[in-house]
Amino acid sequence: MTAIRRALNLRTTTTAAIATTGAAAIALTLVPQAHADEQAKPAQPATAAAAVAAQADHLAAKAESAAKTKPSGETKAMSVADIQKNGVKKYGNQLDGWIRTSLDIMHAKGIPGSYKGLHSNIMRESSGNPRAINNWDVNARAGVPSKGLLQIIKPTFERFHVAGTKNDQYDPVANIVASANYAAHRYGTIDLVHSAY
């Protein structure tokens, strides 16, 4: 029983932290998808923070399930630029769409990662802001600030950039794919990154 209480306390603490630091960003990125699955919607949570957390869990589970399916031969045969172009049309030009488009490119290129791993790292690093820039840490003091959704520095972006994506740290898909490529080389997958990397 004590373990269950600890787990519930951790979930409550995590939910409160999300609510206070990123609820607006999460809500803005998740709301467009909120009505897509009305029949699968669980009972309404009691608080706004719980509602945001429940929606994030629901979307992450749905995306995780979709990510486990292998890309079709059509996706594998497409160029990265075409995957990115079609992804924006198919998924939309917002955080959920950028992650899904990135996952399509990552699967085509053999870069491991999941929706949940990408989303949690993005929310921690930039709160979903593709124009985020860190002007205060050791990299910034050295003249190389981290930028974009996953706060990657320019030399790392250039080294792990995936051909066919835009050569722009602020481009959401290019930033995600290059960062996931870096994390795959350094940690095995972005899913194993749980702090600044």
N, C-alpha and C. Protein backbone atom coordinates (compact mmCIF):
# COMPACT_ATOMS: atom_id res chain seq x y z
N MET A 1 0.82 -1.19 0.00
CA MET A 1 0.00 0.00 0.00
C MET A 1 0.86 1.26 0.00
N THR A 2 2.00 1.21 0.70
CA THR A 2 2.88 2.37 0.75
C THR A 2 3.44 2.67 -0.64
N ALA A 3 3.78 1.63 -1.40
CA ALA A 3 4.31 1.83 -2.76
C ALA A 3 3.27 2.49 -3.64
N ILE A 4 2.01 2.09 -3.47
CA ILE A 4 0.93 2.69 -4.27
C ILE A 4 0.78 4.16 -3.90
N ARG A 5 0.83 4.48 -2.61
CA ARG A 5 0.73 5.88 -2.19
C ARG A 5 1.88 6.70 -2.76
N ARG A 6 3.10 6.13 -2.71
CA ARG A 6 4.26 6.85 -3.26
C ARG A 6 4.07 7.10 -4.74
N ALA A 7 3.59 6.09 -5.47
CA ALA A 7 3.36 6.25 -6.91
C ALA A 7 2.32 7.32 -7.17
N LEU A 8 1.23 7.31 -6.38
CA LEU A 8 0.20 8.33 -6.55
C LEU A 8 0.73 9.72 -6.20
N ASN A 9 1.53 9.81 -5.14
CA ASN A 9 2.13 11.10 -4.78
C ASN A 9 3.06 11.59 -5.87
N LEU A 10 3.85 10.69 -6.46
CA LEU A 10 4.75 11.07 -7.55
C LEU A 10 3.95 11.56 -8.74
N ARG A 11 2.87 10.83 -9.09
CA ARG A 11 2.02 11.23 -10.21
C ARG A 11 1.40 12.60 -9.92
N THR A 12 0.93 12.84 -8.71
CA THR A 12 0.33 14.12 -8.34
C THR A 12 1.37 15.22 -8.43
N THR A 13 2.57 14.95 -7.91
CA THR A 13 3.64 15.94 -7.97
C THR A 13 4.01 16.25 -9.41
N THR A 14 4.14 15.20 -10.24
CA THR A 14 4.48 15.39 -11.64
C THR A 14 3.39 16.18 -12.35
N THR A 15 2.14 15.83 -12.08
CA THR A 15 1.03 16.53 -12.70
C THR A 15 1.03 18.00 -12.30
N ALA A 16 1.27 18.28 -11.02
CA ALA A 16 1.31 19.66 -10.56
C ALA A 16 2.45 20.42 -11.22
N ALA A 17 3.59 19.77 -11.37
CA ALA A 17 4.74 20.43 -12.02
C ALA A 17 4.42 20.74 -13.48
N ILE A 18 3.80 19.78 -14.16
CA ILE A 18 3.42 20.03 -15.56
C ILE A 18 2.43 21.17 -15.62
N ALA A 19 1.48 21.17 -14.70
CA ALA A 19 0.45 22.21 -14.71
C ALA A 19 1.05 23.58 -14.50
N THR A 20 2.04 23.68 -13.61
CA THR A 20 2.57 25.00 -13.32
C THR A 20 3.61 25.46 -14.32
N THR A 21 4.36 24.54 -14.92
CA THR A 21 5.43 24.98 -15.82
C THR A 21 5.09 24.87 -17.29
N GLY A 22 4.16 24.02 -17.63
CA GLY A 22 3.93 23.85 -19.06
C GLY A 22 2.51 23.57 -19.46
N ALA A 23 1.55 23.81 -18.60
CA ALA A 23 0.17 23.50 -18.94
C ALA A 23 -0.30 24.25 -20.18
N ALA A 24 0.08 25.49 -20.27
CA ALA A 24 -0.35 26.27 -21.44
C ALA A 24 0.23 25.68 -22.72
N ALA A 25 1.50 25.34 -22.68
CA ALA A 25 2.14 24.77 -23.87
C ALA A 25 1.53 23.42 -24.20
N ILE A 26 1.31 22.59 -23.19
CA ILE A 26 0.73 21.27 -23.43
C ILE A 26 -0.69 21.44 -23.97
N ALA A 27 -1.46 22.30 -23.34
CA ALA A 27 -2.83 22.49 -23.79
C ALA A 27 -2.87 22.96 -25.23
N LEU A 28 -2.00 23.89 -25.59
CA LEU A 28 -1.99 24.40 -26.96
C LEU A 28 -1.61 23.33 -27.95
N THR A 29 -0.72 22.42 -27.57
CA THR A 29 -0.29 21.39 -28.51
C THR A 29 -1.25 20.22 -28.54
N LEU A 30 -2.00 19.99 -27.47
CA LEU A 30 -2.86 18.83 -27.42
C LEU A 30 -4.31 19.11 -27.81
N VAL A 31 -4.76 20.30 -27.63
CA VAL A 31 -6.15 20.62 -27.89
C VAL A 31 -6.61 20.26 -29.30
N PRO A 32 -5.80 20.51 -30.36
CA PRO A 32 -6.29 20.18 -31.70
C PRO A 32 -6.64 18.70 -31.86
N GLN A 33 -6.02 17.82 -31.12
CA GLN A 33 -6.29 16.39 -31.23
C GLN A 33 -7.37 15.93 -30.25
N ALA A 34 -7.81 16.79 -29.38
CA ALA A 34 -8.70 16.39 -28.29
C ALA A 34 -10.01 15.79 -28.79
N HIS A 35 -10.54 16.26 -29.91
CA HIS A 35 -11.84 15.81 -30.37
C HIS A 35 -11.76 14.63 -31.33
N ALA A 36 -10.59 14.22 -31.71
CA ALA A 36 -10.43 13.14 -32.67
C ALA A 36 -10.87 11.80 -32.10
N ASP A 37 -10.78 11.61 -30.81
CA ASP A 37 -11.07 10.32 -30.21
C ASP A 37 -12.17 10.42 -29.15
N GLU A 38 -13.27 11.08 -29.45
CA GLU A 38 -14.31 11.32 -28.45
C GLU A 38 -14.84 10.03 -27.86
N GLN A 39 -15.06 8.97 -28.72
CA GLN A 39 -15.65 7.77 -28.16
C GLN A 39 -14.70 7.03 -27.22
N ALA A 40 -13.39 7.22 -27.34
CA ALA A 40 -12.43 6.54 -26.48
C ALA A 40 -12.06 7.38 -25.27
N LYS A 41 -12.74 8.50 -25.08
CA LYS A 41 -12.37 9.43 -24.02
C LYS A 41 -12.76 8.89 -22.65
N PRO A 42 -11.83 8.86 -21.68
CA PRO A 42 -12.15 8.38 -20.33
C PRO A 42 -12.97 9.41 -19.56
N ALA A 43 -13.41 9.04 -18.37
CA ALA A 43 -14.17 9.95 -17.52
C ALA A 43 -13.38 11.22 -17.26
N GLN A 44 -14.08 12.34 -17.09
CA GLN A 44 -13.44 13.63 -16.90
C GLN A 44 -12.68 13.69 -15.58
N PRO A 45 -11.39 14.07 -15.59
CA PRO A 45 -10.63 14.24 -14.36
C PRO A 45 -11.15 15.44 -13.57
N ALA A 46 -10.85 15.46 -12.27
CA ALA A 46 -11.39 16.47 -11.39
C ALA A 46 -10.72 17.83 -11.53
N THR A 47 -9.45 17.89 -11.94
CA THR A 47 -8.76 19.17 -12.02
C THR A 47 -8.24 19.42 -13.42
N ALA A 48 -7.92 20.67 -13.71
CA ALA A 48 -7.38 21.01 -15.02
C ALA A 48 -6.03 20.33 -15.24
N ALA A 49 -5.20 20.29 -14.22
CA ALA A 49 -3.89 19.64 -14.35
C ALA A 49 -4.06 18.16 -14.64
N ALA A 50 -5.00 17.52 -13.98
CA ALA A 50 -5.25 16.10 -14.22
C ALA A 50 -5.79 15.89 -15.62
N ALA A 51 -6.61 16.83 -16.10
CA ALA A 51 -7.14 16.72 -17.46
C ALA A 51 -6.03 16.80 -18.49
N VAL A 52 -5.11 17.72 -18.29
CA VAL A 52 -3.98 17.87 -19.21
C VAL A 52 -3.12 16.61 -19.17
N ALA A 53 -2.84 16.11 -17.98
CA ALA A 53 -2.02 14.90 -17.84
C ALA A 53 -2.71 13.70 -18.49
N ALA A 54 -4.03 13.58 -18.28
CA ALA A 54 -4.78 12.47 -18.86
C ALA A 54 -4.76 12.54 -20.38
N GLN A 55 -4.93 13.74 -20.93
CA GLN A 55 -4.90 13.91 -22.39
C GLN A 55 -3.52 13.59 -22.94
N ALA A 56 -2.47 14.03 -22.24
CA ALA A 56 -1.10 13.73 -22.67
C ALA A 56 -0.85 12.24 -22.65
N ASP A 57 -1.30 11.55 -21.59
CA ASP A 57 -1.14 10.10 -21.51
C ASP A 57 -1.89 9.40 -22.63
N HIS A 58 -3.11 9.86 -22.90
CA HIS A 58 -3.92 9.26 -23.96
C HIS A 58 -3.25 9.42 -25.32
N LEU A 59 -2.79 10.62 -25.64
CA LEU A 59 -2.14 10.86 -26.93
C LEU A 59 -0.82 10.11 -27.04
N ALA A 60 -0.08 10.04 -25.95
CA ALA A 60 1.20 9.32 -25.97
C ALA A 60 0.95 7.84 -26.21
N ALA A 61 -0.07 7.26 -25.57
CA ALA A 61 -0.38 5.84 -25.75
C ALA A 61 -0.82 5.58 -27.19
N LYS A 62 -1.63 6.47 -27.73
CA LYS A 62 -2.10 6.32 -29.11
C LYS A 62 -0.93 6.42 -30.08
N ALA A 63 -0.05 7.39 -29.87
CA ALA A 63 1.10 7.56 -30.75
C ALA A 63 2.08 6.41 -30.61
N GLU A 64 2.24 5.92 -29.39
CA GLU A 64 3.15 4.78 -29.14
C GLU A 64 2.66 3.57 -29.92
N SER A 65 1.35 3.35 -29.91
CA SER A 65 0.77 2.24 -30.64
C SER A 65 1.00 2.40 -32.14
N ALA A 66 0.79 3.61 -32.64
CA ALA A 66 1.01 3.87 -34.06
C ALA A 66 2.49 3.75 -34.42
N ALA A 67 3.37 4.15 -33.52
CA ALA A 67 4.81 4.10 -33.79
C ALA A 67 5.33 2.67 -33.85
N LYS A 68 4.64 1.74 -33.17
CA LYS A 68 5.10 0.36 -33.18
C LYS A 68 4.86 -0.31 -34.52
N THR A 69 3.92 0.22 -35.29
CA THR A 69 3.70 -0.34 -36.61
C THR A 69 4.84 0.12 -37.52
N LYS A 70 5.32 -0.80 -38.31
CA LYS A 70 6.44 -0.47 -39.18
C LYS A 70 5.97 0.44 -40.30
N PRO A 71 6.86 1.36 -40.75
CA PRO A 71 6.46 2.22 -41.85
C PRO A 71 6.20 1.40 -43.10
N SER A 72 5.27 1.83 -43.89
CA SER A 72 4.94 1.10 -45.11
C SER A 72 6.11 1.18 -46.08
N GLY A 73 6.11 0.29 -47.06
CA GLY A 73 7.15 0.32 -48.08
C GLY A 73 7.14 1.66 -48.80
N GLU A 74 5.95 2.26 -48.90
CA GLU A 74 5.83 3.57 -49.54
C GLU A 74 6.62 4.62 -48.78
N THR A 75 6.51 4.64 -47.46
CA THR A 75 7.24 5.62 -46.64
C THR A 75 8.74 5.38 -46.75
N LYS A 76 9.17 4.12 -46.73
CA LYS A 76 10.59 3.81 -46.82
C LYS A 76 11.17 4.26 -48.16
N ALA A 77 10.36 4.18 -49.23
CA ALA A 77 10.84 4.54 -50.56
C ALA A 77 10.86 6.05 -50.79
N MET A 78 10.15 6.81 -49.96
CA MET A 78 10.08 8.25 -50.13
C MET A 78 11.36 8.92 -49.64
N SER A 79 11.66 10.07 -50.22
CA SER A 79 12.80 10.84 -49.74
C SER A 79 12.42 11.49 -48.41
N VAL A 80 13.44 11.85 -47.64
CA VAL A 80 13.20 12.51 -46.35
C VAL A 80 12.43 13.80 -46.57
N ALA A 81 12.79 14.57 -47.59
CA ALA A 81 12.09 15.83 -47.87
C ALA A 81 10.61 15.58 -48.16
N ASP A 82 10.31 14.50 -48.91
CA ASP A 82 8.91 14.17 -49.21
C ASP A 82 8.17 13.72 -47.95
N ILE A 83 8.86 12.93 -47.11
CA ILE A 83 8.24 12.50 -45.85
C ILE A 83 7.89 13.72 -45.02
N GLN A 84 8.82 14.70 -44.95
CA GLN A 84 8.58 15.90 -44.16
C GLN A 84 7.42 16.70 -44.76
N LYS A 85 7.42 16.87 -46.05
CA LYS A 85 6.37 17.64 -46.71
C LYS A 85 5.00 16.98 -46.51
N ASN A 86 4.93 15.66 -46.73
CA ASN A 86 3.66 14.94 -46.57
C ASN A 86 3.24 14.88 -45.11
N GLY A 87 4.21 14.79 -44.19
CA GLY A 87 3.90 14.74 -42.77
C GLY A 87 3.22 15.99 -42.28
N VAL A 88 3.71 17.14 -42.73
CA VAL A 88 3.10 18.41 -42.32
C VAL A 88 1.66 18.48 -42.83
N LYS A 89 1.43 18.01 -44.06
CA LYS A 89 0.06 18.00 -44.59
C LYS A 89 -0.81 16.99 -43.84
N LYS A 90 -0.25 15.82 -43.54
CA LYS A 90 -1.01 14.74 -42.92
C LYS A 90 -1.27 15.00 -41.43
N TYR A 91 -0.25 15.46 -40.71
CA TYR A 91 -0.35 15.58 -39.26
C TYR A 91 -0.58 17.00 -38.76
N GLY A 92 -0.23 17.99 -39.54
CA GLY A 92 -0.40 19.37 -39.12
C GLY A 92 0.91 20.03 -38.72
N ASN A 93 0.91 21.35 -38.73
CA ASN A 93 2.11 22.14 -38.43
C ASN A 93 2.05 22.64 -36.99
N GLN A 94 2.12 21.69 -36.04
CA GLN A 94 2.15 21.97 -34.61
C GLN A 94 2.90 20.82 -33.95
N LEU A 95 3.10 20.88 -32.65
CA LEU A 95 3.98 19.94 -31.97
C LEU A 95 3.65 18.48 -32.26
N ASP A 96 2.41 18.10 -32.15
CA ASP A 96 2.03 16.71 -32.41
C ASP A 96 2.41 16.31 -33.84
N GLY A 97 2.15 17.17 -34.79
CA GLY A 97 2.50 16.89 -36.19
C GLY A 97 4.00 16.82 -36.41
N TRP A 98 4.75 17.72 -35.77
CA TRP A 98 6.21 17.70 -35.92
C TRP A 98 6.79 16.40 -35.37
N ILE A 99 6.27 15.95 -34.22
CA ILE A 99 6.76 14.70 -33.63
C ILE A 99 6.43 13.52 -34.55
N ARG A 100 5.21 13.45 -35.03
CA ARG A 100 4.81 12.34 -35.89
C ARG A 100 5.58 12.34 -37.20
N THR A 101 5.78 13.51 -37.79
CA THR A 101 6.58 13.59 -39.02
C THR A 101 8.01 13.15 -38.74
N SER A 102 8.56 13.60 -37.63
CA SER A 102 9.92 13.21 -37.24
C SER A 102 10.02 11.70 -37.06
N LEU A 103 9.02 11.10 -36.43
CA LEU A 103 9.03 9.65 -36.24
C LEU A 103 9.02 8.91 -37.58
N ASP A 104 8.26 9.42 -38.55
CA ASP A 104 8.26 8.80 -39.88
C ASP A 104 9.66 8.84 -40.48
N ILE A 105 10.33 9.98 -40.38
CA ILE A 105 11.69 10.12 -40.92
C ILE A 105 12.65 9.23 -40.13
N MET A 106 12.52 9.25 -38.81
CA MET A 106 13.40 8.42 -37.97
C MET A 106 13.26 6.95 -38.32
N HIS A 107 12.03 6.47 -38.49
CA HIS A 107 11.82 5.06 -38.85
C HIS A 107 12.42 4.76 -40.21
N ALA A 108 12.25 5.67 -41.17
CA ALA A 108 12.82 5.46 -42.51
C ALA A 108 14.35 5.41 -42.46
N LYS A 109 14.95 6.13 -41.53
CA LYS A 109 16.41 6.20 -41.41
C LYS A 109 16.98 5.27 -40.34
N GLY A 110 16.13 4.52 -39.66
CA GLY A 110 16.61 3.59 -38.65
C GLY A 110 17.05 4.25 -37.35
N ILE A 111 16.52 5.42 -37.05
CA ILE A 111 16.83 6.12 -35.80
C ILE A 111 15.77 5.75 -34.78
N PRO A 112 16.17 5.16 -33.64
CA PRO A 112 15.18 4.72 -32.66
C PRO A 112 14.57 5.90 -31.89
N GLY A 113 13.38 5.67 -31.37
CA GLY A 113 12.71 6.67 -30.55
C GLY A 113 11.21 6.49 -30.60
N SER A 114 10.55 7.04 -29.60
CA SER A 114 9.09 6.93 -29.52
C SER A 114 8.48 8.31 -29.35
N TYR A 115 7.19 8.38 -29.56
CA TYR A 115 6.46 9.62 -29.37
C TYR A 115 6.64 10.12 -27.93
N LYS A 116 6.46 9.21 -26.98
CA LYS A 116 6.55 9.59 -25.57
C LYS A 116 7.94 10.12 -25.23
N GLY A 117 8.99 9.45 -25.72
CA GLY A 117 10.36 9.89 -25.46
C GLY A 117 10.63 11.27 -26.04
N LEU A 118 10.18 11.48 -27.27
CA LEU A 118 10.38 12.80 -27.91
C LEU A 118 9.57 13.87 -27.17
N HIS A 119 8.30 13.59 -26.92
CA HIS A 119 7.43 14.59 -26.31
C HIS A 119 7.93 15.00 -24.93
N SER A 120 8.31 14.03 -24.10
CA SER A 120 8.76 14.38 -22.74
C SER A 120 10.04 15.20 -22.78
N ASN A 121 10.96 14.87 -23.69
CA ASN A 121 12.20 15.64 -23.80
C ASN A 121 11.94 17.04 -24.34
N ILE A 122 11.06 17.16 -25.30
CA ILE A 122 10.72 18.47 -25.86
C ILE A 122 10.09 19.36 -24.79
N MET A 123 9.16 18.81 -24.03
CA MET A 123 8.49 19.62 -23.01
C MET A 123 9.48 20.06 -21.93
N ARG A 124 10.43 19.20 -21.58
CA ARG A 124 11.43 19.57 -20.57
C ARG A 124 12.39 20.63 -21.12
N GLU A 125 12.81 20.47 -22.36
CA GLU A 125 13.83 21.35 -22.93
C GLU A 125 13.30 22.71 -23.38
N SER A 126 12.10 22.74 -23.99
CA SER A 126 11.63 24.00 -24.60
C SER A 126 10.16 24.30 -24.37
N SER A 127 9.45 23.47 -23.64
CA SER A 127 8.00 23.60 -23.46
C SER A 127 7.26 23.65 -24.79
N GLY A 128 7.84 23.03 -25.82
CA GLY A 128 7.19 22.96 -27.12
C GLY A 128 7.40 24.18 -28.00
N ASN A 129 8.31 25.07 -27.62
CA ASN A 129 8.58 26.29 -28.39
C ASN A 129 9.74 26.04 -29.37
N PRO A 130 9.46 26.00 -30.69
CA PRO A 130 10.52 25.73 -31.65
C PRO A 130 11.54 26.88 -31.76
N ARG A 131 11.20 28.05 -31.24
CA ARG A 131 12.12 29.20 -31.29
C ARG A 131 12.87 29.40 -29.97
N ALA A 132 12.79 28.44 -29.06
CA ALA A 132 13.46 28.55 -27.77
C ALA A 132 14.97 28.63 -27.96
N ILE A 133 15.62 29.44 -27.14
CA ILE A 133 17.07 29.57 -27.16
C ILE A 133 17.56 29.73 -25.72
N ASN A 134 18.64 29.06 -25.41
CA ASN A 134 19.22 29.13 -24.07
C ASN A 134 20.41 30.08 -24.14
N ASN A 135 20.28 31.23 -23.53
CA ASN A 135 21.35 32.23 -23.55
C ASN A 135 22.10 32.34 -22.23
N TRP A 136 21.99 31.32 -21.36
CA TRP A 136 22.59 31.48 -20.04
C TRP A 136 23.55 30.36 -19.63
N ASP A 137 23.51 29.17 -20.27
CA ASP A 137 24.35 28.07 -19.78
C ASP A 137 25.78 28.14 -20.31
N VAL A 138 26.56 27.11 -20.03
CA VAL A 138 27.97 27.08 -20.41
C VAL A 138 28.14 27.15 -21.92
N ASN A 139 27.24 26.54 -22.67
CA ASN A 139 27.33 26.61 -24.14
C ASN A 139 27.10 28.03 -24.63
N ALA A 140 26.11 28.69 -24.05
CA ALA A 140 25.82 30.08 -24.45
C ALA A 140 26.99 30.99 -24.11
N ARG A 141 27.59 30.79 -22.93
CA ARG A 141 28.75 31.61 -22.55
C ARG A 141 29.92 31.39 -23.48
N ALA A 142 29.97 30.20 -24.10
CA ALA A 142 31.03 29.90 -25.06
C ALA A 142 30.66 30.37 -26.47
N GLY A 143 29.48 31.00 -26.60
CA GLY A 143 29.05 31.52 -27.89
C GLY A 143 28.29 30.53 -28.75
N VAL A 144 27.88 29.40 -28.18
CA VAL A 144 27.17 28.37 -28.93
C VAL A 144 25.89 28.00 -28.17
N PRO A 145 24.87 28.85 -28.21
CA PRO A 145 23.65 28.56 -27.44
C PRO A 145 22.88 27.38 -28.02
N SER A 146 22.18 26.66 -27.15
CA SER A 146 21.32 25.58 -27.62
C SER A 146 20.01 26.20 -28.09
N LYS A 147 19.46 25.61 -29.15
CA LYS A 147 18.28 26.21 -29.79
C LYS A 147 17.25 25.15 -30.16
N GLY A 148 16.02 25.61 -30.28
CA GLY A 148 14.94 24.78 -30.82
C GLY A 148 14.25 23.90 -29.81
N LEU A 149 13.41 23.03 -30.34
CA LEU A 149 12.57 22.17 -29.50
C LEU A 149 13.37 21.31 -28.54
N LEU A 150 14.50 20.76 -29.00
CA LEU A 150 15.29 19.86 -28.16
C LEU A 150 16.62 20.48 -27.76
N GLN A 151 16.73 21.80 -27.89
CA GLN A 151 17.87 22.55 -27.37
C GLN A 151 19.22 21.93 -27.75
N ILE A 152 19.44 21.83 -29.05
CA ILE A 152 20.68 21.27 -29.58
C ILE A 152 21.61 22.41 -29.97
N ILE A 153 22.92 22.23 -29.76
CA ILE A 153 23.88 23.27 -30.15
C ILE A 153 24.26 23.05 -31.61
N LYS A 154 24.71 24.11 -32.25
CA LYS A 154 24.97 24.08 -33.69
C LYS A 154 25.96 22.99 -34.12
N PRO A 155 27.12 22.82 -33.44
CA PRO A 155 28.04 21.76 -33.88
C PRO A 155 27.42 20.36 -33.82
N THR A 156 26.61 20.11 -32.81
CA THR A 156 25.96 18.81 -32.69
C THR A 156 24.88 18.67 -33.75
N PHE A 157 24.13 19.74 -33.98
CA PHE A 157 23.11 19.73 -35.04
C PHE A 157 23.76 19.42 -36.38
N GLU A 158 24.85 20.10 -36.69
CA GLU A 158 25.51 19.89 -37.98
C GLU A 158 26.05 18.47 -38.12
N ARG A 159 26.61 17.93 -37.04
CA ARG A 159 27.16 16.57 -37.10
C ARG A 159 26.08 15.51 -37.27
N PHE A 160 24.93 15.69 -36.62
CA PHE A 160 23.89 14.66 -36.62
C PHE A 160 22.68 15.02 -37.48
N HIS A 161 22.78 16.12 -38.25
CA HIS A 161 21.72 16.52 -39.16
C HIS A 161 21.40 15.38 -40.12
N VAL A 162 20.12 15.14 -40.38
CA VAL A 162 19.71 14.10 -41.30
C VAL A 162 19.43 14.75 -42.66
N ALA A 163 20.18 14.31 -43.65
CA ALA A 163 20.04 14.85 -45.00
C ALA A 163 18.59 14.76 -45.46
N GLY A 164 18.13 15.83 -46.08
CA GLY A 164 16.76 15.90 -46.56
C GLY A 164 15.88 16.75 -45.66
N THR A 165 16.27 16.90 -44.39
CA THR A 165 15.56 17.83 -43.52
C THR A 165 16.22 19.20 -43.71
N LYS A 166 15.52 20.23 -43.31
CA LYS A 166 16.07 21.58 -43.46
C LYS A 166 17.34 21.74 -42.63
N ASN A 167 18.29 22.49 -43.14
CA ASN A 167 19.53 22.74 -42.40
C ASN A 167 19.34 23.98 -41.53
N ASP A 168 18.42 23.87 -40.57
CA ASP A 168 18.04 24.98 -39.72
C ASP A 168 17.70 24.45 -38.33
N GLN A 169 18.46 24.84 -37.32
CA GLN A 169 18.22 24.38 -35.95
C GLN A 169 16.82 24.71 -35.46
N TYR A 170 16.24 25.78 -35.95
CA TYR A 170 14.91 26.19 -35.50
C TYR A 170 13.79 25.43 -36.22
N ASP A 171 14.10 24.74 -37.32
CA ASP A 171 13.07 23.94 -37.98
C ASP A 171 12.69 22.79 -37.05
N PRO A 172 11.42 22.68 -36.67
CA PRO A 172 11.03 21.69 -35.68
C PRO A 172 11.41 20.25 -36.05
N VAL A 173 11.13 19.84 -37.27
CA VAL A 173 11.40 18.46 -37.67
C VAL A 173 12.90 18.22 -37.75
N ALA A 174 13.64 19.13 -38.35
CA ALA A 174 15.10 18.97 -38.44
C ALA A 174 15.72 18.91 -37.06
N ASN A 175 15.25 19.74 -36.14
CA ASN A 175 15.76 19.78 -34.77
C ASN A 175 15.48 18.45 -34.05
N ILE A 176 14.26 17.96 -34.18
CA ILE A 176 13.90 16.70 -33.51
C ILE A 176 14.72 15.55 -34.06
N VAL A 177 14.79 15.43 -35.39
CA VAL A 177 15.47 14.28 -36.00
C VAL A 177 16.97 14.32 -35.70
N ALA A 178 17.59 15.48 -35.80
CA ALA A 178 19.03 15.59 -35.50
C ALA A 178 19.29 15.27 -34.03
N SER A 179 18.45 15.77 -33.14
CA SER A 179 18.62 15.51 -31.71
C SER A 179 18.43 14.03 -31.39
N ALA A 180 17.42 13.42 -32.01
CA ALA A 180 17.19 11.98 -31.79
C ALA A 180 18.34 11.16 -32.36
N ASN A 181 18.89 11.60 -33.48
CA ASN A 181 20.05 10.92 -34.08
C ASN A 181 21.25 11.00 -33.13
N TYR A 182 21.48 12.19 -32.58
CA TYR A 182 22.56 12.37 -31.59
C TYR A 182 22.33 11.47 -30.38
N ALA A 183 21.11 11.49 -29.83
CA ALA A 183 20.80 10.68 -28.64
C ALA A 183 20.96 9.19 -28.93
N ALA A 184 20.61 8.77 -30.15
CA ALA A 184 20.77 7.36 -30.52
C ALA A 184 22.24 6.96 -30.51
N HIS A 185 23.10 7.84 -31.02
CA HIS A 185 24.53 7.55 -31.04
C HIS A 185 25.14 7.59 -29.64
N ARG A 186 24.66 8.48 -28.81
CA ARG A 186 25.26 8.65 -27.48
C ARG A 186 24.64 7.76 -26.41
N TYR A 187 23.31 7.59 -26.45
CA TYR A 187 22.60 6.87 -25.38
C TYR A 187 21.85 5.62 -25.85
N GLY A 188 21.78 5.42 -27.14
CA GLY A 188 21.03 4.28 -27.68
C GLY A 188 19.68 4.68 -28.23
N THR A 189 19.04 5.66 -27.60
CA THR A 189 17.74 6.18 -28.04
C THR A 189 17.40 7.43 -27.22
N ILE A 190 16.62 8.30 -27.80
CA ILE A 190 16.13 9.50 -27.09
C ILE A 190 15.26 9.08 -25.91
N ASP A 191 14.68 7.89 -25.97
CA ASP A 191 13.82 7.39 -24.89
C ASP A 191 14.58 7.19 -23.59
N LEU A 192 15.89 7.09 -23.65
CA LEU A 192 16.71 6.90 -22.44
C LEU A 192 17.23 8.22 -21.87
N VAL A 193 16.86 9.32 -22.49
CA VAL A 193 17.31 10.64 -22.02
C VAL A 193 16.24 11.21 -21.09
N HIS A 194 16.63 11.47 -19.84
CA HIS A 194 15.65 11.96 -18.86
C HIS A 194 16.13 13.26 -18.19
N SER A 195 17.15 13.88 -18.76
CA SER A 195 17.64 15.17 -18.24
C SER A 195 18.40 15.83 -19.38
N ALA A 196 18.98 16.97 -19.11
CA ALA A 196 19.75 17.66 -20.14
C ALA A 196 20.78 16.70 -20.70
N TYR A 197 21.00 16.77 -22.01
CA TYR A 197 21.90 15.81 -22.66
C TYR A 197 22.92 16.46 -23.53
